[in-house]
Amino acid sequence: MYRRFFIALTVLTSYNLSFSQITDPYTPSPVPDRIILSWSDDPATTQSVSWRTDISVGEAWAEISLANSDPTFIFFADTVKATTQVLASNRNVSHYHSVTFKNLLPGTKYAYRVGNGTHYSEWFHFKTAKTEAAPFSFIYFGDAQNFVKALWSRTIREAFMKMPDVDFLLHAGDLINNPREDMEWGEWFYAGGWIYGTKSNIMVPGNHEYYRSGRDRLLSDHWKPSFTLPENGPENLKETTYYIDYQGVRIICLDTQAMLADSKKLKEQKKWLEGLLKNNPQKWTVVTQHHPIYSTAMGRDNPSIRNNFQPLYEKYGVDLVLQGHDHTYGRGYNMEFGKKTKDRGPMYVVSVSGPKMYNLNFEDWVERVASNTQLFQLIHVDGDVLKYEAYTTTGVLYDAFELKKRGNGQNRFTDLTPEGVAEQVEISKIYMERMNPEEIQKYQRRYEEYKARRAKN
């Protein structure tokens, strides 16, 4: 098994201080921060927003109005009182507030701000979804996890510059590394900044959103106060397992870490998922989960998740499965009885948006891979066509494909990989220096086998 190296121990020598040695720059104040949009109900008629203050703010609210280029719109805003809860982190005690705006007009731009009568945020804009199927786009991020301020910030900002009119952001887990370190959450919110306050966010927890407590794995204390997410999942998995229907697409979010820690929660999610897939009125179905069905990194595999969920994805025609965890990039079709197919089954993607990297394993299922590459993905849905584009964090188109929905519900796949963009598979000099000759030889052999398979297709 290859060694896995954190960039902190190699490239980023200037960042070797642990958080415990750094003065916290993300202390709460009476001024709202960590403002983030999400959905807890119908995206066409509701919008949720969460934010943080210090504990001097005991009562807070949000104001909302139809957005207007005439600045006097602020005098016609409605006020909604917030729900407030206390979070005692390892750094501070703070108040987290949340509001869900209801009875909104579909397909409409609104302006809002949050505060307490003395201290307010700026006014943000958001737009509600349409009630019917309509074209839209979203950005998908694999793990951010490490050096989020230093090196993940450039990924989310490059993604937003590439598509400022995106409708929402999707995060496939491991937003941070230490689930109980408030400074890491501070970095995550710093990196996205005002983008979070203007674009809604869908997220699933990864293994790094859970911490150990004796024999148990517990969800980060920050998760539920920070985000206001749907409670339409299994009873014991509220706001970590849920679904959202958005303009003709059913987006299903699974909590794979809960599955791995507790077989009962795997069974609960499996039963719940089958009900959603069996009774699905949407044309497209996208699943996001942290642990991959098929892994891309050496030494990784999740057979219990694959054995329980892949059959459902294939039986009920899931179109796209968006995953993280393996700190490499790979996309490809399902494997049915050991063979790839081109006319059915989900497209599986594993990606990484942060700087922590592992070595590729070049498994049989992958058709395009990358190592040591930060990426983000833009996904466009328009009627019978779903188009996927993966960009490097420097804005270079690295991978692309299109799925076109046929009358029988199956998808026609078109490979749109850009010409002249070589696969990024070389082991960096930093990692190479820490591998023994046997490990290097094994990696190179796996790569040659992969190239031979690709040449036959």
Protein backbone atom coordinates (compact mmCIF):
# COMPACT_ATOMS: atom_id res chain seq x y z
CA MET A 1 0.00 0.00 0.00
CA TYR A 2 1.35 3.38 -0.96
CA ARG A 3 2.20 5.87 1.73
CA ARG A 4 -0.11 8.84 1.88
CA PHE A 5 1.52 12.16 2.47
CA PHE A 6 -0.05 15.37 3.67
CA ILE A 7 1.22 18.38 1.79
CA ALA A 8 1.81 19.92 5.21
CA LEU A 9 4.75 17.58 5.66
CA THR A 10 6.23 18.23 2.25
CA VAL A 11 5.45 21.28 0.15
CA LEU A 12 3.86 23.65 2.65
CA THR A 13 6.69 23.90 5.15
CA SER A 14 5.69 27.45 5.98
CA TYR A 15 2.36 26.16 7.34
CA ASN A 16 3.73 23.61 9.78
CA LEU A 17 2.37 25.35 12.86
CA SER A 18 -0.58 23.50 14.33
CA PHE A 19 -3.80 25.38 14.95
CA SER A 20 -3.17 25.15 18.69
CA GLN A 21 -0.16 27.44 18.25
CA ILE A 22 -2.04 30.14 16.32
CA THR A 23 -4.09 32.98 17.72
CA ASP A 24 -7.67 32.54 16.51
CA PRO A 25 -8.44 35.12 13.80
CA TYR A 26 -12.06 33.95 13.48
CA THR A 27 -13.53 35.02 16.80
CA PRO A 28 -17.23 35.89 16.76
CA SER A 29 -18.48 39.44 17.23
CA PRO A 30 -21.86 41.19 17.27
CA VAL A 31 -21.54 41.57 13.48
CA PRO A 32 -22.98 38.60 11.56
CA ASP A 33 -20.46 36.29 9.89
CA ARG A 34 -20.42 32.74 8.45
CA ILE A 35 -23.51 33.66 6.44
CA ILE A 36 -24.61 30.81 4.21
CA LEU A 37 -27.65 29.96 2.11
CA SER A 38 -29.09 26.46 1.99
CA TRP A 39 -32.46 24.83 1.51
CA SER A 40 -34.57 23.06 4.07
CA ASP A 41 -37.71 22.95 1.91
CA ASP A 42 -38.90 23.65 -1.64
CA PRO A 43 -36.23 25.71 -3.49
CA ALA A 44 -38.93 27.42 -5.54
CA THR A 45 -40.80 28.93 -2.60
CA THR A 46 -38.37 28.91 0.36
CA GLN A 47 -34.80 29.86 1.17
CA SER A 48 -32.87 29.19 4.38
CA VAL A 49 -29.99 31.26 5.72
CA SER A 50 -27.71 30.65 8.71
CA TRP A 51 -25.17 32.92 10.38
CA ARG A 52 -23.07 33.40 13.51
CA THR A 53 -22.58 36.13 16.13
CA ASP A 54 -21.10 36.34 19.60
CA ILE A 55 -23.35 35.64 22.58
CA SER A 56 -24.10 39.34 23.15
CA VAL A 57 -26.66 38.93 20.35
CA GLY A 58 -29.46 37.07 22.05
CA GLU A 59 -32.16 37.86 19.51
CA ALA A 60 -31.68 38.18 15.75
CA TRP A 61 -33.71 38.38 12.58
CA ALA A 62 -33.51 38.59 8.82
CA GLU A 63 -35.07 41.13 6.47
CA ILE A 64 -36.19 40.27 2.94
CA SER A 65 -37.57 42.18 -0.02
CA LEU A 66 -37.98 41.79 -3.74
CA ALA A 67 -34.66 42.89 -5.22
CA ASN A 68 -34.83 46.23 -6.97
CA SER A 69 -32.30 48.57 -8.55
CA ASP A 70 -34.07 51.36 -6.63
CA PRO A 71 -32.32 51.35 -3.21
CA THR A 72 -35.52 52.38 -1.43
CA PHE A 73 -36.55 48.71 -1.55
CA ILE A 74 -35.11 48.45 1.96
CA PHE A 75 -38.08 50.38 3.37
CA PHE A 76 -40.48 47.67 2.19
CA ALA A 77 -38.63 44.66 3.56
CA ASP A 78 -40.35 42.04 5.70
CA THR A 79 -38.75 40.93 8.97
CA VAL A 80 -38.47 37.28 10.05
CA LYS A 81 -37.32 36.36 13.55
CA ALA A 82 -34.44 33.91 13.72
CA THR A 83 -34.06 30.70 15.66
CA THR A 84 -30.95 30.90 17.86
CA GLN A 85 -28.78 28.18 19.40
CA VAL A 86 -25.56 28.16 21.38
CA LEU A 87 -22.41 26.45 20.17
CA ALA A 88 -19.52 26.01 22.60
CA SER A 89 -16.54 25.20 20.40
CA ASN A 90 -12.94 24.51 21.34
CA ARG A 91 -12.25 28.23 20.78
CA ASN A 92 -15.28 30.20 21.90
CA VAL A 93 -18.96 30.25 22.74
CA SER A 94 -21.13 31.74 20.01
CA HIS A 95 -24.69 32.04 18.83
CA TYR A 96 -25.81 30.53 15.54
CA HIS A 97 -28.97 31.93 14.00
CA SER A 98 -31.15 30.67 11.18
CA VAL A 99 -34.20 31.77 9.23
CA THR A 100 -36.24 30.08 6.51
CA PHE A 101 -38.01 32.55 4.23
CA LYS A 102 -41.34 31.09 3.12
CA ASN A 103 -44.07 31.79 0.56
CA LEU A 104 -41.57 33.19 -1.93
CA LEU A 105 -42.32 33.66 -5.62
CA PRO A 106 -40.69 31.06 -7.90
CA GLY A 107 -37.98 32.20 -10.30
CA THR A 108 -37.64 35.54 -8.52
CA LYS A 109 -34.66 37.55 -7.28
CA TYR A 110 -34.77 38.66 -3.65
CA ALA A 111 -32.58 40.82 -1.44
CA TYR A 112 -31.97 40.01 2.22
CA ARG A 113 -29.78 40.89 5.17
CA VAL A 114 -29.35 39.48 8.67
CA GLY A 115 -28.70 41.19 11.99
CA ASN A 116 -30.11 42.28 15.31
CA GLY A 117 -31.19 45.90 14.95
CA THR A 118 -27.75 47.33 15.72
CA HIS A 119 -25.37 45.24 13.68
CA TYR A 120 -26.35 44.01 10.23
CA SER A 121 -24.78 42.23 7.32
CA GLU A 122 -24.74 43.77 3.88
CA TRP A 123 -27.71 43.12 1.59
CA PHE A 124 -27.31 39.92 -0.44
CA HIS A 125 -29.23 38.71 -3.50
CA PHE A 126 -30.53 35.20 -4.20
CA LYS A 127 -32.92 33.78 -6.77
CA THR A 128 -35.57 31.14 -6.14
CA ALA A 129 -35.89 28.08 -8.36
CA LYS A 130 -38.65 27.65 -10.92
CA THR A 131 -41.46 25.22 -10.19
CA GLU A 132 -41.06 23.37 -13.48
CA ALA A 133 -38.09 21.72 -15.18
CA ALA A 134 -35.80 24.40 -16.59
CA PRO A 135 -32.11 24.79 -17.49
CA PHE A 136 -29.72 25.32 -14.58
CA SER A 137 -26.11 24.78 -13.53
CA PHE A 138 -24.25 23.91 -10.36
CA ILE A 139 -20.67 23.49 -9.15
CA TYR A 140 -19.47 20.27 -7.51
CA PHE A 141 -16.47 20.15 -5.18
CA GLY A 142 -14.63 17.11 -3.90
CA ASP A 143 -12.78 17.32 -0.56
CA ALA A 144 -11.51 20.75 0.49
CA GLN A 145 -10.26 19.50 3.88
CA ASN A 146 -6.71 20.85 4.34
CA PHE A 147 -5.21 24.35 4.09
CA VAL A 148 -8.64 25.58 3.18
CA LYS A 149 -7.84 29.28 3.44
CA ALA A 150 -4.41 29.01 1.84
CA LEU A 151 -5.14 26.69 -1.08
CA TRP A 152 -8.81 25.73 -1.36
CA SER A 153 -9.94 29.35 -1.52
CA ARG A 154 -8.45 29.67 -4.99
CA THR A 155 -10.52 26.69 -6.17
CA ILE A 156 -13.91 28.00 -5.10
CA ARG A 157 -13.10 31.49 -6.36
CA GLU A 158 -11.87 30.24 -9.73
CA ALA A 159 -15.03 28.15 -10.00
CA PHE A 160 -17.22 31.14 -9.28
CA MET A 161 -15.36 33.29 -11.81
CA LYS A 162 -15.86 30.55 -14.39
CA MET A 163 -19.61 30.49 -13.74
CA PRO A 164 -20.92 33.45 -11.73
CA ASP A 165 -24.51 32.65 -12.74
CA VAL A 166 -24.36 29.19 -11.18
CA ASP A 167 -27.52 28.20 -9.30
CA PHE A 168 -25.96 26.39 -6.34
CA LEU A 169 -22.83 24.71 -4.95
CA LEU A 170 -22.52 21.03 -4.01
CA HIS A 171 -19.89 19.80 -1.53
CA ALA A 172 -19.17 16.03 -1.39
CA GLY A 173 -17.89 15.93 2.19
CA ASP A 174 -14.68 16.61 4.13
CA LEU A 175 -15.14 20.34 4.07
CA ILE A 176 -12.55 20.51 6.87
CA ASN A 177 -10.03 18.18 8.51
CA ASN A 178 -10.71 18.38 12.26
CA PRO A 179 -14.47 18.42 12.90
CA ARG A 180 -14.18 20.14 16.30
CA GLU A 181 -11.58 22.79 15.40
CA ASP A 182 -13.47 26.07 15.07
CA MET A 183 -10.57 27.71 13.24
CA GLU A 184 -10.88 25.20 10.40
CA TRP A 185 -14.56 26.02 10.03
CA GLY A 186 -13.50 29.67 10.09
CA GLU A 187 -11.16 28.99 7.16
CA TRP A 188 -13.92 27.24 5.21
CA PHE A 189 -16.26 30.17 5.62
CA TYR A 190 -13.45 32.63 4.88
CA ALA A 191 -12.59 30.83 1.64
CA GLY A 192 -16.13 31.02 0.24
CA GLY A 193 -16.90 34.40 1.78
CA TRP A 194 -19.84 36.23 0.26
CA ILE A 195 -20.34 33.51 -2.37
CA TYR A 196 -22.05 31.40 0.30
CA GLY A 197 -24.44 34.23 1.01
CA THR A 198 -25.57 34.52 -2.61
CA LYS A 199 -25.59 30.90 -3.82
CA SER A 200 -27.33 28.08 -2.01
CA ASN A 201 -25.26 25.14 -0.77
CA ILE A 202 -25.90 21.40 -0.72
CA MET A 203 -23.47 19.30 1.32
CA VAL A 204 -22.97 15.83 2.74
CA PRO A 205 -20.70 14.99 5.68
CA GLY A 206 -17.51 13.05 5.12
CA ASN A 207 -15.48 11.07 7.61
CA HIS A 208 -13.78 14.31 8.71
CA GLU A 209 -17.13 15.79 9.73
CA TYR A 210 -17.30 13.03 12.35
CA TYR A 211 -15.19 12.58 15.48
CA ARG A 212 -14.59 9.65 17.78
CA SER A 213 -16.18 9.47 21.21
CA GLY A 214 -15.28 6.15 22.77
CA ARG A 215 -16.54 3.55 20.32
CA ASP A 216 -18.94 5.96 18.65
CA ARG A 217 -18.51 8.30 15.72
CA LEU A 218 -20.38 11.57 16.29
CA LEU A 219 -21.30 14.32 13.84
CA SER A 220 -19.40 17.57 14.22
CA ASP A 221 -20.98 20.00 16.68
CA HIS A 222 -20.70 22.64 13.93
CA TRP A 223 -22.75 20.84 11.28
CA LYS A 224 -26.34 21.52 12.29
CA PRO A 225 -25.80 25.04 13.71
CA SER A 226 -23.87 26.10 10.59
CA PHE A 227 -26.28 24.76 7.95
CA THR A 228 -30.06 24.60 7.67
CA LEU A 229 -30.73 21.49 5.59
CA PRO A 230 -33.78 19.34 4.82
CA GLU A 231 -35.15 16.99 7.45
CA ASN A 232 -36.81 14.68 4.94
CA GLY A 233 -34.39 11.78 5.45
CA PRO A 234 -34.42 8.86 7.89
CA GLU A 235 -35.33 9.79 11.45
CA ASN A 236 -31.84 9.43 12.91
CA LEU A 237 -30.09 11.14 10.00
CA LYS A 238 -31.79 14.51 9.81
CA GLU A 239 -29.78 17.07 7.81
CA THR A 240 -27.13 14.56 6.75
CA THR A 241 -29.30 12.30 4.56
CA TYR A 242 -31.90 14.16 2.52
CA TYR A 243 -33.07 15.05 -0.96
CA ILE A 244 -33.90 18.19 -2.93
CA ASP A 245 -35.90 18.41 -6.16
CA TYR A 246 -34.59 21.22 -8.33
CA GLN A 247 -36.02 22.09 -11.78
CA GLY A 248 -36.35 18.54 -13.06
CA VAL A 249 -33.51 16.92 -11.09
CA ARG A 250 -33.74 14.88 -7.89
CA ILE A 251 -30.56 15.42 -5.86
CA ILE A 252 -30.08 12.76 -3.18
CA CYS A 253 -27.55 13.19 -0.38
CA LEU A 254 -26.27 10.16 1.55
CA ASP A 255 -24.28 9.97 4.77
CA THR A 256 -21.75 7.23 4.04
CA GLN A 257 -19.74 7.77 7.21
CA ALA A 258 -22.84 6.98 9.25
CA MET A 259 -23.25 3.80 7.18
CA LEU A 260 -19.71 2.66 7.84
CA ALA A 261 -19.98 3.36 11.56
CA ASP A 262 -23.40 1.73 12.08
CA SER A 263 -24.91 -1.00 9.91
CA LYS A 264 -28.40 -0.02 11.10
CA LYS A 265 -27.94 3.41 9.52
CA LEU A 266 -26.83 1.77 6.30
CA LYS A 267 -30.06 -0.24 6.23
CA GLU A 268 -32.13 2.83 7.07
CA GLN A 269 -30.59 4.83 4.24
CA LYS A 270 -30.92 1.95 1.79
CA LYS A 271 -34.63 1.54 2.50
CA TRP A 272 -35.21 5.29 2.35
CA LEU A 273 -33.25 5.61 -0.90
CA GLU A 274 -35.17 2.88 -2.67
CA GLY A 275 -38.43 4.60 -1.81
CA LEU A 276 -37.14 7.86 -3.29
CA LEU A 277 -35.89 6.20 -6.46
CA LYS A 278 -39.00 4.08 -6.94
CA ASN A 279 -41.28 7.11 -6.71
CA ASN A 280 -39.26 9.71 -8.57
CA PRO A 281 -41.12 12.13 -10.86
CA GLN A 282 -37.94 13.94 -11.98
CA LYS A 283 -36.24 13.32 -15.33
CA TRP A 284 -32.71 13.28 -13.88
CA THR A 285 -31.32 11.77 -10.69
CA VAL A 286 -28.02 12.81 -9.09
CA VAL A 287 -26.63 11.16 -5.94
CA THR A 288 -23.85 12.67 -3.87
CA GLN A 289 -21.97 10.73 -1.19
CA HIS A 290 -18.53 11.02 0.35
CA HIS A 291 -17.14 7.47 0.09
CA PRO A 292 -16.97 6.24 -3.52
CA ILE A 293 -18.73 3.23 -4.99
CA TYR A 294 -15.50 2.62 -6.90
CA SER A 295 -12.29 4.03 -5.47
CA THR A 296 -9.54 5.84 -7.33
CA ALA A 297 -6.75 5.77 -4.71
CA MET A 298 -4.40 2.93 -3.88
CA GLY A 299 -5.55 0.76 -0.99
CA ARG A 300 -9.10 2.09 -0.82
CA ASP A 301 -12.35 0.18 -1.24
CA ASN A 302 -15.88 0.42 0.16
CA PRO A 303 -17.49 -2.97 -0.58
CA SER A 304 -20.39 -2.63 1.87
CA ILE A 305 -21.48 0.65 0.28
CA ARG A 306 -21.02 -0.68 -3.25
CA ASN A 307 -22.82 -3.97 -2.61
CA ASN A 308 -25.83 -2.26 -1.05
CA PHE A 309 -26.23 0.84 -3.19
CA GLN A 310 -24.88 0.20 -6.68
CA PRO A 311 -27.68 -2.29 -7.48
CA LEU A 312 -30.24 0.40 -6.59
CA TYR A 313 -28.46 3.00 -8.73
CA GLU A 314 -28.59 0.67 -11.72
CA LYS A 315 -32.09 -0.67 -11.14
CA TYR A 316 -33.66 2.76 -10.87
CA GLY A 317 -31.58 4.63 -13.44
CA VAL A 318 -29.48 7.03 -11.37
CA ASP A 319 -27.63 9.23 -13.87
CA LEU A 320 -24.68 10.66 -11.96
CA VAL A 321 -22.92 9.82 -8.68
CA LEU A 322 -20.69 12.60 -7.29
CA GLN A 323 -18.13 11.53 -4.65
CA GLY A 324 -14.98 12.49 -2.76
CA HIS A 325 -12.72 10.92 -0.13
CA ASP A 326 -9.93 9.53 -2.37
CA HIS A 327 -8.02 12.77 -3.10
CA THR A 328 -7.56 11.89 -6.76
CA TYR A 329 -9.73 12.29 -9.85
CA GLY A 330 -11.51 9.59 -11.80
CA ARG A 331 -14.66 9.24 -13.83
CA GLY A 332 -16.15 6.28 -15.60
CA TYR A 333 -19.14 4.03 -16.05
CA ASN A 334 -20.38 1.33 -13.77
CA MET A 335 -19.06 -2.20 -14.03
CA GLU A 336 -21.76 -4.75 -14.71
CA PHE A 337 -20.54 -8.33 -14.41
CA GLY A 338 -17.03 -7.03 -14.90
CA LYS A 339 -17.70 -5.05 -18.09
CA LYS A 340 -18.19 -1.37 -18.72
CA THR A 341 -21.31 -0.34 -20.60
CA LYS A 342 -22.01 2.75 -22.67
CA ASP A 343 -25.78 2.84 -22.72
CA ARG A 344 -26.96 2.52 -19.15
CA GLY A 345 -26.06 2.91 -15.50
CA PRO A 346 -24.67 5.90 -13.66
CA MET A 347 -21.58 7.88 -14.47
CA TYR A 348 -19.36 7.76 -11.38
CA VAL A 349 -17.05 10.65 -10.52
CA VAL A 350 -14.50 10.99 -7.72
CA SER A 351 -12.83 14.38 -7.38
CA VAL A 352 -10.74 16.54 -5.05
CA SER A 353 -10.78 20.33 -4.77
CA GLY A 354 -8.30 20.82 -1.91
CA PRO A 355 -4.51 20.33 -1.81
CA LYS A 356 -4.23 16.95 -0.05
CA MET A 357 -3.37 14.28 -2.64
CA TYR A 358 -3.10 10.49 -2.86
CA ASN A 359 -1.67 8.21 -5.55
CA LEU A 360 -3.91 6.74 -8.25
CA ASN A 361 -4.66 3.04 -8.45
CA PHE A 362 -5.85 3.00 -12.12
CA GLU A 363 -8.82 0.73 -11.47
CA ASP A 364 -10.62 -0.90 -14.40
CA TRP A 365 -13.68 1.34 -14.18
CA VAL A 366 -11.95 4.69 -14.81
CA GLU A 367 -11.83 6.30 -18.26
CA ARG A 368 -10.18 9.61 -17.30
CA VAL A 369 -7.99 10.19 -14.25
CA ALA A 370 -5.77 12.79 -12.60
CA SER A 371 -3.39 12.88 -9.66
CA ASN A 372 -1.90 15.85 -7.80
CA THR A 373 -4.53 18.10 -9.37
CA GLN A 374 -7.07 20.35 -7.67
CA LEU A 375 -10.32 20.47 -9.63
CA PHE A 376 -13.87 21.73 -9.62
CA GLN A 377 -16.76 20.57 -11.79
CA LEU A 378 -19.48 22.54 -13.60
CA ILE A 379 -22.65 20.59 -14.35
CA HIS A 380 -25.33 21.92 -16.69
CA VAL A 381 -28.81 20.44 -17.08
CA ASP A 382 -31.03 21.48 -19.99
CA GLY A 383 -33.99 19.31 -20.89
CA ASP A 384 -32.75 15.94 -22.16
CA VAL A 385 -29.07 16.90 -21.90
CA LEU A 386 -26.71 16.85 -18.91
CA LYS A 387 -23.26 18.28 -19.62
CA TYR A 388 -20.34 17.81 -17.24
CA GLU A 389 -17.09 19.77 -17.26
CA ALA A 390 -14.12 19.32 -14.90
CA TYR A 391 -11.68 22.22 -14.62
CA THR A 392 -8.36 22.45 -12.89
CA THR A 393 -8.09 25.05 -10.16
CA THR A 394 -6.25 27.27 -12.68
CA GLY A 395 -9.31 27.23 -14.94
CA VAL A 396 -8.17 24.71 -17.59
CA LEU A 397 -10.84 22.37 -18.97
CA TYR A 398 -9.56 18.89 -18.08
CA ASP A 399 -12.47 16.53 -18.68
CA ALA A 400 -15.97 16.70 -20.13
CA PHE A 401 -18.83 14.50 -21.26
CA GLU A 402 -22.49 14.71 -22.15
CA LEU A 403 -25.42 12.48 -21.27
CA LYS A 404 -28.49 12.65 -23.48
CA LYS A 405 -31.69 11.13 -22.16
CA ARG A 406 -33.34 8.71 -24.59
CA GLY A 407 -37.00 7.87 -24.77
CA ASN A 408 -36.44 4.61 -22.87
CA GLY A 409 -34.83 6.51 -19.98
CA GLN A 410 -31.29 5.35 -20.78
CA ASN A 411 -28.54 7.82 -21.54
CA ARG A 412 -26.42 8.22 -24.63
CA PHE A 413 -22.87 9.04 -23.55
CA THR A 414 -20.62 11.39 -25.54
CA ASP A 415 -17.01 11.84 -24.50
CA LEU A 416 -16.02 15.52 -24.78
CA THR A 417 -12.54 15.28 -23.29
CA PRO A 418 -10.63 18.29 -24.64
CA GLU A 419 -8.03 17.45 -27.26
CA GLY A 420 -4.41 18.07 -26.37
CA VAL A 421 -4.95 17.97 -22.60
CA ALA A 422 -2.82 15.08 -21.37
CA GLU A 423 -3.83 13.08 -18.32
CA GLN A 424 -2.09 14.32 -15.20
CA VAL A 425 -0.69 11.10 -13.77
CA GLU A 426 2.95 11.78 -13.03
CA ILE A 427 4.08 11.40 -9.42
CA SER A 428 5.43 14.72 -8.20
CA LYS A 429 9.09 14.90 -7.24
CA ILE A 430 8.10 15.53 -3.61
CA TYR A 431 6.13 12.29 -3.40
CA MET A 432 8.63 10.35 -5.47
CA GLU A 433 11.36 11.07 -2.95
CA ARG A 434 9.31 9.36 -0.24
CA MET A 435 8.49 6.19 -2.19
CA ASN A 436 10.78 3.19 -2.31
CA PRO A 437 11.73 1.62 -5.66
CA GLU A 438 9.17 -1.17 -5.28
CA GLU A 439 6.35 1.33 -4.78
CA ILE A 440 7.43 3.37 -7.78
CA GLN A 441 7.65 0.26 -9.93
CA LYS A 442 4.18 -0.87 -8.86
CA TYR A 443 2.69 2.52 -9.66
CA GLN A 444 4.31 2.59 -13.10
CA ARG A 445 3.14 -0.96 -13.84
CA ARG A 446 -0.45 -0.05 -12.94
CA TYR A 447 -0.21 2.99 -15.19
CA GLU A 448 1.07 0.97 -18.14
CA GLU A 449 -1.78 -1.52 -17.68
CA TYR A 450 -4.25 1.36 -17.63
CA LYS A 451 -2.83 2.81 -20.86
CA ALA A 452 -3.07 -0.60 -22.53
CA ARG A 453 -6.74 -0.93 -21.54
CA ARG A 454 -7.47 2.55 -22.85
CA ALA A 455 -5.76 1.76 -26.15
CA LYS A 456 -8.13 -1.19 -26.70
CA ASN A 457 -11.29 0.90 -26.21
